[in-house]
């Protein structure tokens, strides 16, 4: 790297994130990183009114954008919380419905078992009644003799 005679090199230590941020800012202002850093430091020392007015305007725009993003983020958080609550309620309702269905199925199975034990057609004595039925004639069955 060639440096002119009147220029010296200054090394600035920064994290990768800070370096990327500097690159983004320099790119958005269409400057090199060197020029951006020099302009920032020199403008602070010189307190030039034109640049500071521009900086104030930039910072007010930045703070406005930040406030907008904060508001959006808060509303998204509220929406996520609401959706989470709705999901929890839906899961609870589904669980209650499943339990209710299981209870109804259990009651239905118990009722069918009770009906089958009380039904004379399903009873074990069915064979005895059918034999008596076949041996008796029509009138004796009618008069139950």
C-alpha atoms as a PDB file:
ATOM      1  CA  UNK A   1       0.000   0.000   0.000  1.00  0.00           C
ATOM      2  CA  UNK A   2       1.426   3.309  -1.054  1.00  0.00           C
ATOM      3  CA  UNK A   3       0.984   6.299   1.183  1.00  0.00           C
ATOM      4  CA  UNK A   4       1.713   9.832   0.146  1.00  0.00           C
ATOM      5  CA  UNK A   5       4.440  11.650   2.031  1.00  0.00           C
ATOM      6  CA  UNK A   6       2.079  13.816   4.031  1.00  0.00           C
ATOM      7  CA  UNK A   7      -0.250  10.954   5.109  1.00  0.00           C
ATOM      8  CA  UNK A   8       0.220   8.598   8.031  1.00  0.00           C
ATOM      9  CA  UNK A   9      -1.602   5.413   8.839  1.00  0.00           C
ATOM     10  CA  UNK A  10      -3.791   5.111  11.939  1.00  0.00           C
ATOM     11  CA  UNK A  11      -5.055   1.720  13.033  1.00  0.00           C
ATOM     12  CA  UNK A  12      -8.506   1.540  14.578  1.00  0.00           C
ATOM     13  CA  UNK A  13      -9.590  -1.616  16.355  1.00  0.00           C
ATOM     14  CA  UNK A  14     -13.227  -2.624  15.947  1.00  0.00           C
ATOM     15  CA  UNK A  15     -15.361  -5.744  16.115  1.00  0.00           C
ATOM     16  CA  UNK A  16     -16.574  -7.391  12.914  1.00  0.00           C
ATOM     17  CA  UNK A  17     -20.059  -6.030  13.558  1.00  0.00           C
ATOM     18  CA  UNK A  18     -18.717  -2.502  14.003  1.00  0.00           C
ATOM     19  CA  UNK A  19     -16.683  -2.811  10.809  1.00  0.00           C
ATOM     20  CA  UNK A  20     -19.750  -3.988   8.882  1.00  0.00           C
ATOM     21  CA  UNK A  21     -21.777  -1.105  10.304  1.00  0.00           C
ATOM     22  CA  UNK A  22     -19.070   1.359   9.204  1.00  0.00           C
ATOM     23  CA  UNK A  23     -19.079  -0.186   5.722  1.00  0.00           C
ATOM     24  CA  UNK A  24     -22.858   0.151   5.473  1.00  0.00           C
ATOM     25  CA  UNK A  25     -22.822   3.766   6.617  1.00  0.00           C
ATOM     26  CA  UNK A  26     -19.955   4.627   4.244  1.00  0.00           C
ATOM     27  CA  UNK A  27     -21.733   2.928   1.364  1.00  0.00           C
ATOM     28  CA  UNK A  28     -25.014   4.727   2.088  1.00  0.00           C
ATOM     29  CA  UNK A  29     -23.158   8.077   2.134  1.00  0.00           C
ATOM     30  CA  UNK A  30     -21.090   7.063  -0.915  1.00  0.00           C
ATOM     31  CA  UNK A  31     -17.796   7.492   0.902  1.00  0.00           C
ATOM     32  CA  UNK A  32     -14.867   5.290   1.717  1.00  0.00           C
ATOM     33  CA  UNK A  33     -14.510   4.075   5.271  1.00  0.00           C
ATOM     34  CA  UNK A  34     -11.398   6.264   5.666  1.00  0.00           C
ATOM     35  CA  UNK A  35     -13.215   9.345   4.477  1.00  0.00           C
ATOM     36  CA  UNK A  36     -16.237   8.595   6.663  1.00  0.00           C
ATOM     37  CA  UNK A  37     -14.087   8.247   9.780  1.00  0.00           C
ATOM     38  CA  UNK A  38     -12.040  11.362   8.959  1.00  0.00           C
ATOM     39  CA  UNK A  39     -15.139  13.433   8.218  1.00  0.00           C
ATOM     40  CA  UNK A  40     -16.775  12.265  11.433  1.00  0.00           C
ATOM     41  CA  UNK A  41     -13.793  13.038  13.617  1.00  0.00           C
ATOM     42  CA  UNK A  42     -12.816  16.274  11.921  1.00  0.00           C
ATOM     43  CA  UNK A  43     -16.399  17.568  11.828  1.00  0.00           C
ATOM     44  CA  UNK A  44     -16.724  16.965  15.556  1.00  0.00           C
ATOM     45  CA  UNK A  45     -13.527  18.898  16.199  1.00  0.00           C
ATOM     46  CA  UNK A  46     -14.331  21.736  13.779  1.00  0.00           C
ATOM     47  CA  UNK A  47     -18.000  22.041  14.752  1.00  0.00           C
ATOM     48  CA  UNK A  48     -18.862  23.275  11.273  1.00  0.00           C
ATOM     49  CA  UNK A  49     -22.430  24.568  11.254  1.00  0.00           C
ATOM     50  CA  UNK A  50     -23.399  23.132   7.867  1.00  0.00           C
ATOM     51  CA  UNK A  51     -22.261  19.623   8.724  1.00  0.00           C
ATOM     52  CA  UNK A  52     -23.696  19.690  12.226  1.00  0.00           C
ATOM     53  CA  UNK A  53     -27.057  20.848  10.874  1.00  0.00           C
ATOM     54  CA  UNK A  54     -26.927  17.936   8.427  1.00  0.00           C
ATOM     55  CA  UNK A  55     -25.933  15.579  11.249  1.00  0.00           C
ATOM     56  CA  UNK A  56     -28.815  16.833  13.396  1.00  0.00           C
ATOM     57  CA  UNK A  57     -31.202  16.322  10.485  1.00  0.00           C
ATOM     58  CA  UNK A  58     -29.803  12.799   9.920  1.00  0.00           C
ATOM     59  CA  UNK A  59     -30.049  11.939  13.605  1.00  0.00           C
ATOM     60  CA  UNK A  60     -33.635  13.205  13.824  1.00  0.00           C
ATOM     61  CA  UNK A  61     -34.546  11.095  10.778  1.00  0.00           C
ATOM     62  CA  UNK A  62     -32.764   8.136  12.337  1.00  0.00           C
ATOM     63  CA  UNK A  63     -34.559   8.587  15.663  1.00  0.00           C
ATOM     64  CA  UNK A  64     -37.901   8.877  13.838  1.00  0.00           C
ATOM     65  CA  UNK A  65     -37.224   5.651  11.971  1.00  0.00           C
ATOM     66  CA  UNK A  66     -36.116   3.964  15.189  1.00  0.00           C
ATOM     67  CA  UNK A  67     -39.320   5.066  16.940  1.00  0.00           C
ATOM     68  CA  UNK A  68     -41.410   3.728  14.060  1.00  0.00           C
ATOM     69  CA  UNK A  69     -39.609   0.396  14.233  1.00  0.00           C
ATOM     70  CA  UNK A  70     -40.048   0.261  18.007  1.00  0.00           C
ATOM     71  CA  UNK A  71     -43.786   0.853  17.646  1.00  0.00           C
ATOM     72  CA  UNK A  72     -44.044  -1.832  14.988  1.00  0.00           C
ATOM     73  CA  UNK A  73     -42.074  -4.242  17.135  1.00  0.00           C
ATOM     74  CA  UNK A  74     -44.317  -3.614  20.135  1.00  0.00           C
ATOM     75  CA  UNK A  75     -47.459  -4.190  18.064  1.00  0.00           C
ATOM     76  CA  UNK A  76     -45.992  -7.408  16.656  1.00  0.00           C
ATOM     77  CA  UNK A  77     -45.180  -8.594  20.181  1.00  0.00           C
ATOM     78  CA  UNK A  78     -48.778  -7.920  21.221  1.00  0.00           C
ATOM     79  CA  UNK A  79     -50.073  -9.812  18.192  1.00  0.00           C
ATOM     80  CA  UNK A  80     -47.810 -12.765  18.956  1.00  0.00           C
ATOM     81  CA  UNK A  81     -48.992 -12.831  22.581  1.00  0.00           C
ATOM     82  CA  UNK A  82     -52.622 -12.723  21.474  1.00  0.00           C
ATOM     83  CA  UNK A  83     -52.100 -15.523  18.966  1.00  0.00           C
ATOM     84  CA  UNK A  84     -50.320 -17.603  21.608  1.00  0.00           C
ATOM     85  CA  UNK A  85     -53.259 -17.157  23.995  1.00  0.00           C
ATOM     86  CA  UNK A  86     -55.721 -18.109  21.260  1.00  0.00           C
ATOM     87  CA  UNK A  87     -53.678 -21.202  20.458  1.00  0.00           C
ATOM     88  CA  UNK A  88     -53.634 -22.206  24.125  1.00  0.00           C
ATOM     89  CA  UNK A  89     -57.413 -21.758  24.351  1.00  0.00           C
ATOM     90  CA  UNK A  90     -57.938 -23.833  21.206  1.00  0.00           C
ATOM     91  CA  UNK A  91     -55.782 -26.642  22.584  1.00  0.00           C
ATOM     92  CA  UNK A  92     -57.707 -26.612  25.872  1.00  0.00           C
ATOM     93  CA  UNK A  93     -61.032 -26.738  24.039  1.00  0.00           C
ATOM     94  CA  UNK A  94     -59.819 -29.622  21.888  1.00  0.00           C
ATOM     95  CA  UNK A  95     -58.710 -31.523  24.974  1.00  0.00           C
ATOM     96  CA  UNK A  96     -62.068 -30.938  26.682  1.00  0.00           C
ATOM     97  CA  UNK A  97     -63.925 -32.053  23.571  1.00  0.00           C
ATOM     98  CA  UNK A  98     -61.832 -35.225  23.312  1.00  0.00           C
ATOM     99  CA  UNK A  99     -62.476 -36.050  26.979  1.00  0.00           C
ATOM    100  CA  UNK A 100     -66.199 -35.470  26.500  1.00  0.00           C
ATOM    101  CA  UNK A 101     -66.235 -37.746  23.448  1.00  0.00           C
ATOM    102  CA  UNK A 102     -64.410 -40.460  25.388  1.00  0.00           C
ATOM    103  CA  UNK A 103     -66.949 -40.212  28.232  1.00  0.00           C
ATOM    104  CA  UNK A 104     -69.847 -40.493  25.801  1.00  0.00           C
ATOM    105  CA  UNK A 105     -68.273 -43.501  24.108  1.00  0.00           C
ATOM    106  CA  UNK A 106     -67.728 -45.153  27.494  1.00  0.00           C
ATOM    107  CA  UNK A 107     -71.365 -44.525  28.478  1.00  0.00           C
ATOM    108  CA  UNK A 108     -72.568 -45.874  25.143  1.00  0.00           C
ATOM    109  CA  UNK A 109     -70.497 -49.033  25.477  1.00  0.00           C
ATOM    110  CA  UNK A 110     -71.822 -49.559  29.031  1.00  0.00           C
ATOM    111  CA  UNK A 111     -75.414 -49.092  27.854  1.00  0.00           C
ATOM    112  CA  UNK A 112     -74.980 -51.601  25.033  1.00  0.00           C
ATOM    113  CA  UNK A 113     -73.504 -54.146  27.452  1.00  0.00           C
ATOM    114  CA  UNK A 114     -76.430 -53.642  29.854  1.00  0.00           C
ATOM    115  CA  UNK A 115     -78.951 -53.974  27.028  1.00  0.00           C
ATOM    116  CA  UNK A 116     -77.346 -57.146  25.746  1.00  0.00           C
ATOM    117  CA  UNK A 117     -77.452 -58.778  29.211  1.00  0.00           C
ATOM    118  CA  UNK A 118     -81.104 -57.771  29.728  1.00  0.00           C
ATOM    119  CA  UNK A 119     -82.269 -58.827  26.248  1.00  0.00           C
ATOM    120  CA  UNK A 120     -83.914 -62.300  26.339  1.00  0.00           C
ATOM    121  CA  UNK A 121     -82.915 -62.981  22.777  1.00  0.00           C
ATOM    122  CA  UNK A 122     -79.258 -62.734  23.677  1.00  0.00           C
ATOM    123  CA  UNK A 123     -79.724 -64.601  26.947  1.00  0.00           C
ATOM    124  CA  UNK A 124     -78.435 -68.167  27.386  1.00  0.00           C
ATOM    125  CA  UNK A 125     -81.989 -69.408  28.019  1.00  0.00           C
ATOM    126  CA  UNK A 126     -82.832 -68.689  24.399  1.00  0.00           C
ATOM    127  CA  UNK A 127     -82.408 -72.341  23.417  1.00  0.00           C
ATOM    128  CA  UNK A 128     -84.803 -73.559  26.172  1.00  0.00           C
ATOM    129  CA  UNK A 129     -87.514 -71.094  25.139  1.00  0.00           C
ATOM    130  CA  UNK A 130     -87.169 -71.979  21.486  1.00  0.00           C
ATOM    131  CA  UNK A 131     -87.552 -75.716  22.273  1.00  0.00           C
ATOM    132  CA  UNK A 132     -90.716 -75.042  24.330  1.00  0.00           C
ATOM    133  CA  UNK A 133     -92.008 -72.867  21.524  1.00  0.00           C
ATOM    134  CA  UNK A 134     -91.576 -75.618  18.955  1.00  0.00           C
ATOM    135  CA  UNK A 135     -93.211 -78.374  21.136  1.00  0.00           C
ATOM    136  CA  UNK A 136     -96.369 -76.418  21.963  1.00  0.00           C
ATOM    137  CA  UNK A 137     -99.105 -75.864  19.479  1.00  0.00           C
ATOM    138  CA  UNK A 138    -100.598 -72.568  18.431  1.00  0.00           C
ATOM    139  CA  UNK A 139    -103.570 -72.569  20.826  1.00  0.00           C
ATOM    140  CA  UNK A 140    -101.534 -73.716  23.808  1.00  0.00           C
ATOM    141  CA  UNK A 141     -99.058 -70.991  23.213  1.00  0.00           C
ATOM    142  CA  UNK A 142    -101.883 -68.529  22.819  1.00  0.00           C
ATOM    143  CA  UNK A 143    -103.511 -69.551  26.088  1.00  0.00           C
ATOM    144  CA  UNK A 144    -100.131 -70.195  27.774  1.00  0.00           C
ATOM    145  CA  UNK A 145    -100.862 -73.703  28.915  1.00  0.00           C
END
